[in-house]
Amino acid sequence: MLTLVFWLSLALLFYIYLGYPLLASLLAQIRGLPISTDDSYQHSDHCHRGL
């Protein structure tokens, strides 16, 4: 039973750190959704700090 928990935990860690990013990038390439941009966006050079 303890070995099963070990291997399932190891598989879950593998999926979290390697499997999910690979799957997400593959789906992004397959679906090919366009990136929408906002041309009216004005970048501000001001740095706002909460004091």
N, C-alpha and C. Protein backbone atom coordinates (compact mmCIF):
# COMPACT_ATOMS: atom_id res chain seq x y z
N MET A 1 0.83 -1.20 0.00
CA MET A 1 0.00 0.00 0.00
C MET A 1 0.87 1.26 0.00
N LEU A 2 1.93 1.23 0.79
CA LEU A 2 2.81 2.39 0.86
C LEU A 2 3.54 2.62 -0.46
N THR A 3 3.86 1.55 -1.16
CA THR A 3 4.53 1.72 -2.45
C THR A 3 3.57 2.32 -3.48
N LEU A 4 2.31 1.97 -3.38
CA LEU A 4 1.30 2.54 -4.29
C LEU A 4 1.16 4.04 -4.06
N VAL A 5 1.13 4.45 -2.81
CA VAL A 5 1.04 5.87 -2.48
C VAL A 5 2.29 6.59 -2.99
N PHE A 6 3.45 5.98 -2.84
CA PHE A 6 4.69 6.58 -3.32
C PHE A 6 4.65 6.80 -4.83
N TRP A 7 4.27 5.76 -5.59
CA TRP A 7 4.27 5.88 -7.05
C TRP A 7 3.18 6.83 -7.54
N LEU A 8 2.04 6.86 -6.88
CA LEU A 8 1.00 7.82 -7.27
C LEU A 8 1.44 9.25 -6.98
N SER A 9 2.11 9.45 -5.87
CA SER A 9 2.62 10.78 -5.54
C SER A 9 3.69 11.21 -6.53
N LEU A 10 4.55 10.30 -6.89
CA LEU A 10 5.60 10.60 -7.87
C LEU A 10 5.00 10.91 -9.23
N ALA A 11 3.98 10.16 -9.63
CA ALA A 11 3.32 10.42 -10.90
C ALA A 11 2.61 11.77 -10.88
N LEU A 12 2.01 12.13 -9.77
CA LEU A 12 1.34 13.43 -9.65
C LEU A 12 2.36 14.56 -9.74
N LEU A 13 3.49 14.43 -9.09
CA LEU A 13 4.53 15.45 -9.19
C LEU A 13 5.06 15.57 -10.62
N PHE A 14 5.23 14.45 -11.29
CA PHE A 14 5.68 14.45 -12.67
C PHE A 14 4.67 15.19 -13.55
N TYR A 15 3.39 14.94 -13.33
CA TYR A 15 2.36 15.60 -14.12
C TYR A 15 2.34 17.10 -13.85
N ILE A 16 2.47 17.49 -12.58
CA ILE A 16 2.41 18.91 -12.23
C ILE A 16 3.56 19.67 -12.87
N TYR A 17 4.78 19.15 -12.76
CA TYR A 17 5.95 19.90 -13.20
C TYR A 17 6.31 19.69 -14.67
N LEU A 18 5.93 18.57 -15.26
CA LEU A 18 6.29 18.31 -16.66
C LEU A 18 5.08 18.05 -17.55
N GLY A 19 4.17 17.26 -17.08
CA GLY A 19 3.04 16.84 -17.92
C GLY A 19 2.09 17.96 -18.26
N TYR A 20 1.68 18.74 -17.27
CA TYR A 20 0.72 19.81 -17.53
C TYR A 20 1.29 20.90 -18.43
N PRO A 21 2.52 21.40 -18.20
CA PRO A 21 3.05 22.40 -19.12
C PRO A 21 3.19 21.88 -20.56
N LEU A 22 3.61 20.63 -20.70
CA LEU A 22 3.71 20.06 -22.04
C LEU A 22 2.34 19.94 -22.69
N LEU A 23 1.36 19.49 -21.93
CA LEU A 23 0.01 19.35 -22.46
C LEU A 23 -0.58 20.72 -22.83
N ALA A 24 -0.35 21.72 -22.00
CA ALA A 24 -0.87 23.06 -22.28
C ALA A 24 -0.22 23.65 -23.53
N SER A 25 1.08 23.46 -23.70
CA SER A 25 1.74 23.99 -24.89
C SER A 25 1.30 23.25 -26.15
N LEU A 26 1.10 21.96 -26.05
CA LEU A 26 0.61 21.20 -27.21
C LEU A 26 -0.80 21.64 -27.60
N LEU A 27 -1.66 21.82 -26.63
CA LEU A 27 -3.01 22.27 -26.94
C LEU A 27 -3.01 23.68 -27.52
N ALA A 28 -2.13 24.54 -27.04
CA ALA A 28 -2.04 25.89 -27.59
C ALA A 28 -1.58 25.86 -29.04
N GLN A 29 -0.66 24.97 -29.37
CA GLN A 29 -0.19 24.87 -30.75
C GLN A 29 -1.26 24.26 -31.65
N ILE A 30 -1.99 23.29 -31.14
CA ILE A 30 -3.02 22.62 -31.95
C ILE A 30 -4.19 23.56 -32.21
N ARG A 31 -4.66 24.24 -31.17
CA ARG A 31 -5.82 25.11 -31.32
C ARG A 31 -5.47 26.38 -32.06
N GLY A 32 -4.29 26.91 -31.85
CA GLY A 32 -3.84 28.09 -32.57
C GLY A 32 -4.71 29.31 -32.40
N LEU A 33 -5.11 29.58 -31.18
CA LEU A 33 -5.95 30.75 -30.94
C LEU A 33 -5.14 32.03 -31.12
N PRO A 34 -5.71 33.03 -31.78
CA PRO A 34 -4.98 34.28 -31.97
C PRO A 34 -4.86 35.06 -30.66
N ILE A 35 -3.80 35.80 -30.54
CA ILE A 35 -3.60 36.66 -29.37
C ILE A 35 -4.22 38.00 -29.66
N SER A 36 -5.15 38.41 -28.82
CA SER A 36 -5.80 39.70 -29.03
C SER A 36 -5.00 40.78 -28.33
N THR A 37 -4.83 41.90 -29.02
CA THR A 37 -4.09 43.01 -28.45
C THR A 37 -4.99 44.24 -28.42
N ASP A 38 -4.69 45.14 -27.51
CA ASP A 38 -5.45 46.37 -27.37
C ASP A 38 -4.56 47.52 -27.82
N ASP A 39 -4.85 48.06 -29.00
CA ASP A 39 -4.02 49.13 -29.56
C ASP A 39 -4.22 50.46 -28.82
N SER A 40 -5.29 50.58 -28.06
CA SER A 40 -5.54 51.83 -27.36
C SER A 40 -4.86 51.88 -25.99
N TYR A 41 -4.13 50.84 -25.63
CA TYR A 41 -3.46 50.80 -24.33
C TYR A 41 -2.32 51.81 -24.30
N GLN A 42 -2.28 52.62 -23.24
CA GLN A 42 -1.22 53.60 -23.05
C GLN A 42 -0.38 53.18 -21.85
N HIS A 43 0.89 52.89 -22.09
CA HIS A 43 1.79 52.48 -21.02
C HIS A 43 2.17 53.69 -20.17
N SER A 44 2.17 53.52 -18.88
CA SER A 44 2.54 54.59 -17.97
C SER A 44 3.92 54.30 -17.38
N ASP A 45 4.78 55.31 -17.34
CA ASP A 45 6.12 55.13 -16.78
C ASP A 45 6.16 55.44 -15.29
N HIS A 46 5.04 55.75 -14.72
CA HIS A 46 4.99 56.09 -13.30
C HIS A 46 5.05 54.84 -12.44
N CYS A 47 5.79 54.93 -11.36
CA CYS A 47 5.87 53.83 -10.41
C CYS A 47 5.02 54.19 -9.21
N HIS A 48 4.00 53.40 -8.95
CA HIS A 48 3.11 53.68 -7.84
C HIS A 48 3.48 52.78 -6.66
N ARG A 49 3.75 53.37 -5.54
CA ARG A 49 4.09 52.60 -4.35
C ARG A 49 3.08 52.91 -3.26
N GLY A 50 2.64 51.89 -2.62
CA GLY A 50 1.75 52.10 -1.49
C GLY A 50 2.55 52.48 -0.26
N LEU A 51 2.27 53.63 0.26
CA LEU A 51 3.04 54.10 1.42
C LEU A 51 2.21 54.01 2.67
